[in-house]
Every structure is written in structure tokens, then in C-alpha cells.
Amino acid sequence: MQILLINTDECGAPERFGPKLLYVPNKNGKIDIEEVKPFLHLIGSEHFVQPKVISITQSTEMDTVYTLEEIKK
């Protein structure tokens, strides 16, 4: 199965208007808060892109589904 990612499938369109897209490792198409934490040390540093938003698809491209609890995290 082909993995579809917002940072490749959108042909760079989101970055054209300002936001920088960062890839977060995942398991079966779902990211976990523990995989996001390494990006949090960048907050406040003028030398790094500032993370602000996480984009997920509730029903992922890998045929997995986030639970309500996973989304709340």
C-alpha cells in the first residue's frame, strides 16, 4: 500500500503560503504524543521552525483509525 503524506501529496502547496511541514514518525499511519515530544524542544528557538499544528486524518491512509482518546491527546 502506498503511504500518502500531506508534505508530498500536496506538491508543496501548504508551504507556499507560509507553514513549514515537518514529518513525524508513525506506526501504522498513526502518530503518538511521544513521537511529537522531540519537536517541542524547538519552541522558542529562533533557529528552528516553530511547531504549531498537528494534522491527522481520523481514518488514516493505512486503514487504521484514531480513537477519541488518541485524538484528545
PDB file of N, CA and C in Angstrom:
ATOM      1  N   MET A   1       0.838  -1.180   0.000  1.00  0.00           N
ATOM      2  CA  MET A   1       0.000   0.000   0.000  1.00  0.00           C
ATOM      3  C   MET A   1       0.884   1.245   0.000  1.00  0.00           C
ATOM      4  N   GLN A   2       0.522   2.198  -0.802  1.00  0.00           N
ATOM      5  CA  GLN A   2       1.271   3.449  -0.870  1.00  0.00           C
ATOM      6  C   GLN A   2       0.905   4.336   0.317  1.00  0.00           C
ATOM      7  N   ILE A   3       1.916   4.934   0.933  1.00  0.00           N
ATOM      8  CA  ILE A   3       1.683   5.842   2.049  1.00  0.00           C
ATOM      9  C   ILE A   3       1.541   7.252   1.495  1.00  0.00           C
ATOM     10  N   LEU A   4       0.466   7.928   1.846  1.00  0.00           N
ATOM     11  CA  LEU A   4       0.205   9.280   1.374  1.00  0.00           C
ATOM     12  C   LEU A   4       0.506  10.265   2.501  1.00  0.00           C
ATOM     13  N   LEU A   5       1.264  11.276   2.191  1.00  0.00           N
ATOM     14  CA  LEU A   5       1.641  12.262   3.199  1.00  0.00           C
ATOM     15  C   LEU A   5       1.288  13.660   2.725  1.00  0.00           C
ATOM     16  N   ILE A   6       0.793  14.484   3.623  1.00  0.00           N
ATOM     17  CA  ILE A   6       0.440  15.852   3.275  1.00  0.00           C
ATOM     18  C   ILE A   6       1.644  16.622   2.726  1.00  0.00           C
ATOM     19  N   ASN A   7       2.840  16.301   3.211  1.00  0.00           N
ATOM     20  CA  ASN A   7       4.015  17.051   2.763  1.00  0.00           C
ATOM     21  C   ASN A   7       4.527  16.608   1.400  1.00  0.00           C
ATOM     22  N   THR A   8       4.006  15.497   0.848  1.00  0.00           N
ATOM     23  CA  THR A   8       4.395  15.101  -0.507  1.00  0.00           C
ATOM     24  C   THR A   8       3.217  15.158  -1.467  1.00  0.00           C
ATOM     25  N   ASP A   9       2.049  14.740  -1.036  1.00  0.00           N
ATOM     26  CA  ASP A   9       0.904  14.670  -1.937  1.00  0.00           C
ATOM     27  C   ASP A   9       0.355  16.038  -2.320  1.00  0.00           C
ATOM     28  N   GLU A  10       0.581  17.021  -1.520  1.00  0.00           N
ATOM     29  CA  GLU A  10       0.074  18.355  -1.825  1.00  0.00           C
ATOM     30  C   GLU A  10       1.069  19.165  -2.651  1.00  0.00           C
ATOM     31  N   CYS A  11       2.128  18.535  -3.109  1.00  0.00           N
ATOM     32  CA  CYS A  11       3.123  19.153  -4.006  1.00  0.00           C
ATOM     33  C   CYS A  11       3.699  20.458  -3.463  1.00  0.00           C
ATOM     34  N   GLY A  12       3.833  20.561  -2.154  1.00  0.00           N
ATOM     35  CA  GLY A  12       4.419  21.760  -1.555  1.00  0.00           C
ATOM     36  C   GLY A  12       3.460  22.932  -1.424  1.00  0.00           C
ATOM     37  N   ALA A  13       2.200  22.747  -1.799  1.00  0.00           N
ATOM     38  CA  ALA A  13       1.236  23.851  -1.759  1.00  0.00           C
ATOM     39  C   ALA A  13       1.111  24.487  -0.371  1.00  0.00           C
ATOM     40  N   PRO A  14       0.999  23.710   0.722  1.00  0.00           N
ATOM     41  CA  PRO A  14       0.881  24.361   2.034  1.00  0.00           C
ATOM     42  C   PRO A  14       2.090  25.247   2.357  1.00  0.00           C
ATOM     43  N   GLU A  15       3.287  24.811   1.982  1.00  0.00           N
ATOM     44  CA  GLU A  15       4.491  25.580   2.295  1.00  0.00           C
ATOM     45  C   GLU A  15       4.583  26.854   1.458  1.00  0.00           C
ATOM     46  N   ARG A  16       3.895  26.907   0.350  1.00  0.00           N
ATOM     47  CA  ARG A  16       3.910  28.116  -0.485  1.00  0.00           C
ATOM     48  C   ARG A  16       3.310  29.308   0.258  1.00  0.00           C
ATOM     49  N   PHE A  17       2.402  29.033   1.176  1.00  0.00           N
ATOM     50  CA  PHE A  17       1.711  30.099   1.891  1.00  0.00           C
ATOM     51  C   PHE A  17       2.204  30.297   3.318  1.00  0.00           C
ATOM     52  N   GLY A  18       3.356  29.727   3.646  1.00  0.00           N
ATOM     53  CA  GLY A  18       3.947  30.032   4.937  1.00  0.00           C
ATOM     54  C   GLY A  18       4.330  28.889   5.848  1.00  0.00           C
ATOM     55  N   PRO A  19       3.418  27.943   6.122  1.00  0.00           N
ATOM     56  CA  PRO A  19       3.785  26.927   7.112  1.00  0.00           C
ATOM     57  C   PRO A  19       4.819  25.938   6.591  1.00  0.00           C
ATOM     58  N   LYS A  20       5.721  25.539   7.448  1.00  0.00           N
ATOM     59  CA  LYS A  20       6.707  24.510   7.138  1.00  0.00           C
ATOM     60  C   LYS A  20       6.164  23.188   7.656  1.00  0.00           C
ATOM     61  N   LEU A  21       6.170  22.166   6.816  1.00  0.00           N
ATOM     62  CA  LEU A  21       5.666  20.862   7.222  1.00  0.00           C
ATOM     63  C   LEU A  21       6.808  19.995   7.728  1.00  0.00           C
ATOM     64  N   LEU A  22       6.627  19.405   8.898  1.00  0.00           N
ATOM     65  CA  LEU A  22       7.615  18.508   9.495  1.00  0.00           C
ATOM     66  C   LEU A  22       7.027  17.105   9.560  1.00  0.00           C
ATOM     67  N   TYR A  23       7.821  16.121   9.223  1.00  0.00           N
ATOM     68  CA  TYR A  23       7.369  14.735   9.262  1.00  0.00           C
ATOM     69  C   TYR A  23       7.589  14.155  10.657  1.00  0.00           C
ATOM     70  N   VAL A  24       6.562  13.526  11.189  1.00  0.00           N
ATOM     71  CA  VAL A  24       6.644  12.857  12.489  1.00  0.00           C
ATOM     72  C   VAL A  24       6.552  11.349  12.234  1.00  0.00           C
ATOM     73  N   PRO A  25       7.505  10.573  12.750  1.00  0.00           N
ATOM     74  CA  PRO A  25       7.430   9.119  12.577  1.00  0.00           C
ATOM     75  C   PRO A  25       6.098   8.590  13.105  1.00  0.00           C
ATOM     76  N   ASN A  26       5.630   7.494  12.512  1.00  0.00           N
ATOM     77  CA  ASN A  26       4.343   6.947  12.922  1.00  0.00           C
ATOM     78  C   ASN A  26       4.352   5.428  12.862  1.00  0.00           C
ATOM     79  N   LYS A  27       3.337   4.857  13.470  1.00  0.00           N
ATOM     80  CA  LYS A  27       3.143   3.410  13.442  1.00  0.00           C
ATOM     81  C   LYS A  27       1.774   3.153  12.830  1.00  0.00           C
ATOM     82  N   ASN A  28       1.767   2.440  11.725  1.00  0.00           N
ATOM     83  CA  ASN A  28       0.514   2.125  11.029  1.00  0.00           C
ATOM     84  C   ASN A  28      -0.296   3.369  10.670  1.00  0.00           C
ATOM     85  N   GLY A  29       0.402   4.455  10.328  1.00  0.00           N
ATOM     86  CA  GLY A  29      -0.267   5.675   9.906  1.00  0.00           C
ATOM     87  C   GLY A  29      -0.749   6.568  11.028  1.00  0.00           C
ATOM     88  N   LYS A  30      -0.509   6.174  12.286  1.00  0.00           N
ATOM     89  CA  LYS A  30      -0.958   6.968  13.429  1.00  0.00           C
ATOM     90  C   LYS A  30       0.245   7.471  14.220  1.00  0.00           C
ATOM     91  N   ILE A  31       0.207   8.742  14.601  1.00  0.00           N
ATOM     92  CA  ILE A  31       1.282   9.276  15.440  1.00  0.00           C
ATOM     93  C   ILE A  31       0.842   9.227  16.897  1.00  0.00           C
ATOM     94  N   ASP A  32       1.807   9.123  17.765  1.00  0.00           N
ATOM     95  CA  ASP A  32       1.561   9.089  19.200  1.00  0.00           C
ATOM     96  C   ASP A  32       2.191  10.342  19.800  1.00  0.00           C
ATOM     97  N   ILE A  33       1.641  10.828  20.886  1.00  0.00           N
ATOM     98  CA  ILE A  33       2.161  12.040  21.527  1.00  0.00           C
ATOM     99  C   ILE A  33       3.642  11.909  21.857  1.00  0.00           C
ATOM    100  N   GLU A  34       4.099  10.707  22.170  1.00  0.00           N
ATOM    101  CA  GLU A  34       5.515  10.511  22.484  1.00  0.00           C
ATOM    102  C   GLU A  34       6.397  10.785  21.260  1.00  0.00           C
ATOM    103  N   GLU A  35       5.867  10.561  20.060  1.00  0.00           N
ATOM    104  CA  GLU A  35       6.623  10.823  18.836  1.00  0.00           C
ATOM    105  C   GLU A  35       6.635  12.309  18.487  1.00  0.00           C
ATOM    106  N   VAL A  36       5.725  13.069  19.074  1.00  0.00           N
ATOM    107  CA  VAL A  36       5.651  14.512  18.842  1.00  0.00           C
ATOM    108  C   VAL A  36       6.578  15.267  19.797  1.00  0.00           C
ATOM    109  N   LYS A  37       6.771  14.738  20.989  1.00  0.00           N
ATOM    110  CA  LYS A  37       7.544  15.428  22.030  1.00  0.00           C
ATOM    111  C   LYS A  37       8.931  15.909  21.587  1.00  0.00           C
ATOM    112  N   PRO A  38       9.687  15.149  20.781  1.00  0.00           N
ATOM    113  CA  PRO A  38      11.004  15.648  20.367  1.00  0.00           C
ATOM    114  C   PRO A  38      10.944  16.983  19.603  1.00  0.00           C
ATOM    115  N   PHE A  39       9.816  17.289  18.998  1.00  0.00           N
ATOM    116  CA  PHE A  39       9.678  18.544  18.261  1.00  0.00           C
ATOM    117  C   PHE A  39       9.389  19.722  19.182  1.00  0.00           C
ATOM    118  N   LEU A  40       8.958  19.455  20.401  1.00  0.00           N
ATOM    119  CA  LEU A  40       8.581  20.526  21.321  1.00  0.00           C
ATOM    120  C   LEU A  40       9.780  21.324  21.826  1.00  0.00           C
ATOM    121  N   HIS A  41      10.979  20.742  21.821  1.00  0.00           N
ATOM    122  CA  HIS A  41      12.154  21.484  22.284  1.00  0.00           C
ATOM    123  C   HIS A  41      12.490  22.633  21.338  1.00  0.00           C
ATOM    124  N   LEU A  42      11.893  22.638  20.160  1.00  0.00           N
ATOM    125  CA  LEU A  42      12.147  23.700  19.183  1.00  0.00           C
ATOM    126  C   LEU A  42      11.393  24.988  19.512  1.00  0.00           C
ATOM    127  N   ILE A  43      10.366  24.871  20.336  1.00  0.00           N
ATOM    128  CA  ILE A  43       9.533  26.039  20.632  1.00  0.00           C
ATOM    129  C   ILE A  43      10.358  27.123  21.307  1.00  0.00           C
ATOM    130  N   GLY A  44      10.294  28.307  20.734  1.00  0.00           N
ATOM    131  CA  GLY A  44      11.003  29.457  21.276  1.00  0.00           C
ATOM    132  C   GLY A  44      12.381  29.687  20.687  1.00  0.00           C
ATOM    133  N   SER A  45      12.910  28.728  19.936  1.00  0.00           N
ATOM    134  CA  SER A  45      14.238  28.891  19.330  1.00  0.00           C
ATOM    135  C   SER A  45      14.118  29.592  17.988  1.00  0.00           C
ATOM    136  N   GLU A  46      14.830  30.680  17.840  1.00  0.00           N
ATOM    137  CA  GLU A  46      14.784  31.431  16.586  1.00  0.00           C
ATOM    138  C   GLU A  46      15.473  30.710  15.433  1.00  0.00           C
ATOM    139  N   HIS A  47      16.134  29.614  15.708  1.00  0.00           N
ATOM    140  CA  HIS A  47      16.863  28.876  14.680  1.00  0.00           C
ATOM    141  C   HIS A  47      16.067  27.722  14.070  1.00  0.00           C
ATOM    142  N   PHE A  48      14.854  27.507  14.543  1.00  0.00           N
ATOM    143  CA  PHE A  48      14.042  26.390  14.066  1.00  0.00           C
ATOM    144  C   PHE A  48      12.632  26.853  13.724  1.00  0.00           C
ATOM    145  N   VAL A  49      12.003  26.121  12.819  1.00  0.00           N
ATOM    146  CA  VAL A  49      10.595  26.333  12.521  1.00  0.00           C
ATOM    147  C   VAL A  49       9.800  26.075  13.797  1.00  0.00           C
ATOM    148  N   GLN A  50       8.811  26.915  14.069  1.00  0.00           N
ATOM    149  CA  GLN A  50       8.029  26.789  15.288  1.00  0.00           C
ATOM    150  C   GLN A  50       6.804  25.892  15.075  1.00  0.00           C
ATOM    151  N   PRO A  51       6.781  24.723  15.710  1.00  0.00           N
ATOM    152  CA  PRO A  51       5.624  23.837  15.544  1.00  0.00           C
ATOM    153  C   PRO A  51       4.384  24.435  16.191  1.00  0.00           C
ATOM    154  N   LYS A  52       3.238  24.369  15.470  1.00  0.00           N
ATOM    155  CA  LYS A  52       2.006  24.944  15.997  1.00  0.00           C
ATOM    156  C   LYS A  52       0.779  24.069  15.796  1.00  0.00           C
ATOM    157  N   VAL A  53       0.774  23.249  14.755  1.00  0.00           N
ATOM    158  CA  VAL A  53      -0.420  22.483  14.397  1.00  0.00           C
ATOM    159  C   VAL A  53      -0.037  21.043  14.080  1.00  0.00           C
ATOM    160  N   ILE A  54      -0.893  20.119  14.449  1.00  0.00           N
ATOM    161  CA  ILE A  54      -0.732  18.724  14.048  1.00  0.00           C
ATOM    162  C   ILE A  54      -1.911  18.392  13.144  1.00  0.00           C
ATOM    163  N   SER A  55      -1.614  17.842  11.978  1.00  0.00           N
ATOM    164  CA  SER A  55      -2.666  17.435  11.046  1.00  0.00           C
ATOM    165  C   SER A  55      -2.763  15.920  11.054  1.00  0.00           C
ATOM    166  N   ILE A  56      -3.934  15.418  11.404  1.00  0.00           N
ATOM    167  CA  ILE A  56      -4.170  13.977  11.359  1.00  0.00           C
ATOM    168  C   ILE A  56      -5.448  13.726  10.570  1.00  0.00           C
ATOM    169  N   THR A  57      -5.584  12.520  10.079  1.00  0.00           N
ATOM    170  CA  THR A  57      -6.818  12.074   9.454  1.00  0.00           C
ATOM    171  C   THR A  57      -7.367  10.978  10.356  1.00  0.00           C
ATOM    172  N   GLN A  58      -8.585  11.145  10.849  1.00  0.00           N
ATOM    173  CA  GLN A  58      -9.137  10.208  11.821  1.00  0.00           C
ATOM    174  C   GLN A  58      -9.102   8.782  11.282  1.00  0.00           C
ATOM    175  N   SER A  59      -9.466   8.604  10.028  1.00  0.00           N
ATOM    176  CA  SER A  59      -9.320   7.318   9.355  1.00  0.00           C
ATOM    177  C   SER A  59      -8.079   7.456   8.476  1.00  0.00           C
ATOM    178  N   THR A  60      -6.979   6.832   8.863  1.00  0.00           N
ATOM    179  CA  THR A  60      -5.693   7.075   8.212  1.00  0.00           C
ATOM    180  C   THR A  60      -5.572   6.398   6.855  1.00  0.00           C
ATOM    181  N   GLU A  61      -4.545   6.775   6.128  1.00  0.00           N
ATOM    182  CA  GLU A  61      -4.266   6.192   4.826  1.00  0.00           C
ATOM    183  C   GLU A  61      -3.809   4.735   4.937  1.00  0.00           C
ATOM    184  N   MET A  62      -3.504   4.279   6.143  1.00  0.00           N
ATOM    185  CA  MET A  62      -3.061   2.903   6.381  1.00  0.00           C
ATOM    186  C   MET A  62      -4.212   2.028   6.895  1.00  0.00           C
ATOM    187  N   ASP A  63      -5.447   2.505   6.745  1.00  0.00           N
ATOM    188  CA  ASP A  63      -6.643   1.777   7.190  1.00  0.00           C
ATOM    189  C   ASP A  63      -6.688   1.560   8.692  1.00  0.00           C
ATOM    190  N   THR A  64      -6.084   2.460   9.447  1.00  0.00           N
ATOM    191  CA  THR A  64      -6.212   2.444  10.900  1.00  0.00           C
ATOM    192  C   THR A  64      -7.063   3.646  11.298  1.00  0.00           C
ATOM    193  N   VAL A  65      -7.601   3.605  12.489  1.00  0.00           N
ATOM    194  CA  VAL A  65      -8.498   4.666  12.949  1.00  0.00           C
ATOM    195  C   VAL A  65      -8.049   5.134  14.323  1.00  0.00           C
ATOM    196  N   TYR A  66      -7.977   6.467  14.495  1.00  0.00           N
ATOM    197  CA  TYR A  66      -7.686   7.026  15.813  1.00  0.00           C
ATOM    198  C   TYR A  66      -8.896   6.868  16.713  1.00  0.00           C
ATOM    199  N   THR A  67      -8.654   6.511  17.968  1.00  0.00           N
ATOM    200  CA  THR A  67      -9.736   6.502  18.950  1.00  0.00           C
ATOM    201  C   THR A  67      -9.942   7.934  19.422  1.00  0.00           C
ATOM    202  N   LEU A  68     -11.050   8.196  20.065  1.00  0.00           N
ATOM    203  CA  LEU A  68     -11.320   9.522  20.617  1.00  0.00           C
ATOM    204  C   LEU A  68     -10.250   9.922  21.620  1.00  0.00           C
ATOM    205  N   GLU A  69      -9.801   8.963  22.430  1.00  0.00           N
ATOM    206  CA  GLU A  69      -8.743   9.241  23.429  1.00  0.00           C
ATOM    207  C   GLU A  69      -7.433   9.631  22.756  1.00  0.00           C
ATOM    208  N   GLU A  70      -7.086   8.956  21.652  1.00  0.00           N
ATOM    209  CA  GLU A  70      -5.846   9.294  20.938  1.00  0.00           C
ATOM    210  C   GLU A  70      -5.935  10.706  20.359  1.00  0.00           C
ATOM    211  N   ILE A  71      -7.088  11.083  19.854  1.00  0.00           N
ATOM    212  CA  ILE A  71      -7.265  12.420  19.292  1.00  0.00           C
ATOM    213  C   ILE A  71      -7.181  13.475  20.381  1.00  0.00           C
ATOM    214  N   LYS A  72      -7.747  13.198  21.563  1.00  0.00           N
ATOM    215  CA  LYS A  72      -7.706  14.151  22.668  1.00  0.00           C
ATOM    216  C   LYS A  72      -6.280  14.443  23.129  1.00  0.00           C
ATOM    217  N   LYS A  73      -5.409  13.412  23.085  1.00  0.00           N
ATOM    218  CA  LYS A  73      -4.008  13.614  23.494  1.00  0.00           C
ATOM    219  C   LYS A  73      -3.369  14.660  22.631  1.00  0.00           C
TER     220      LYS A  73
END
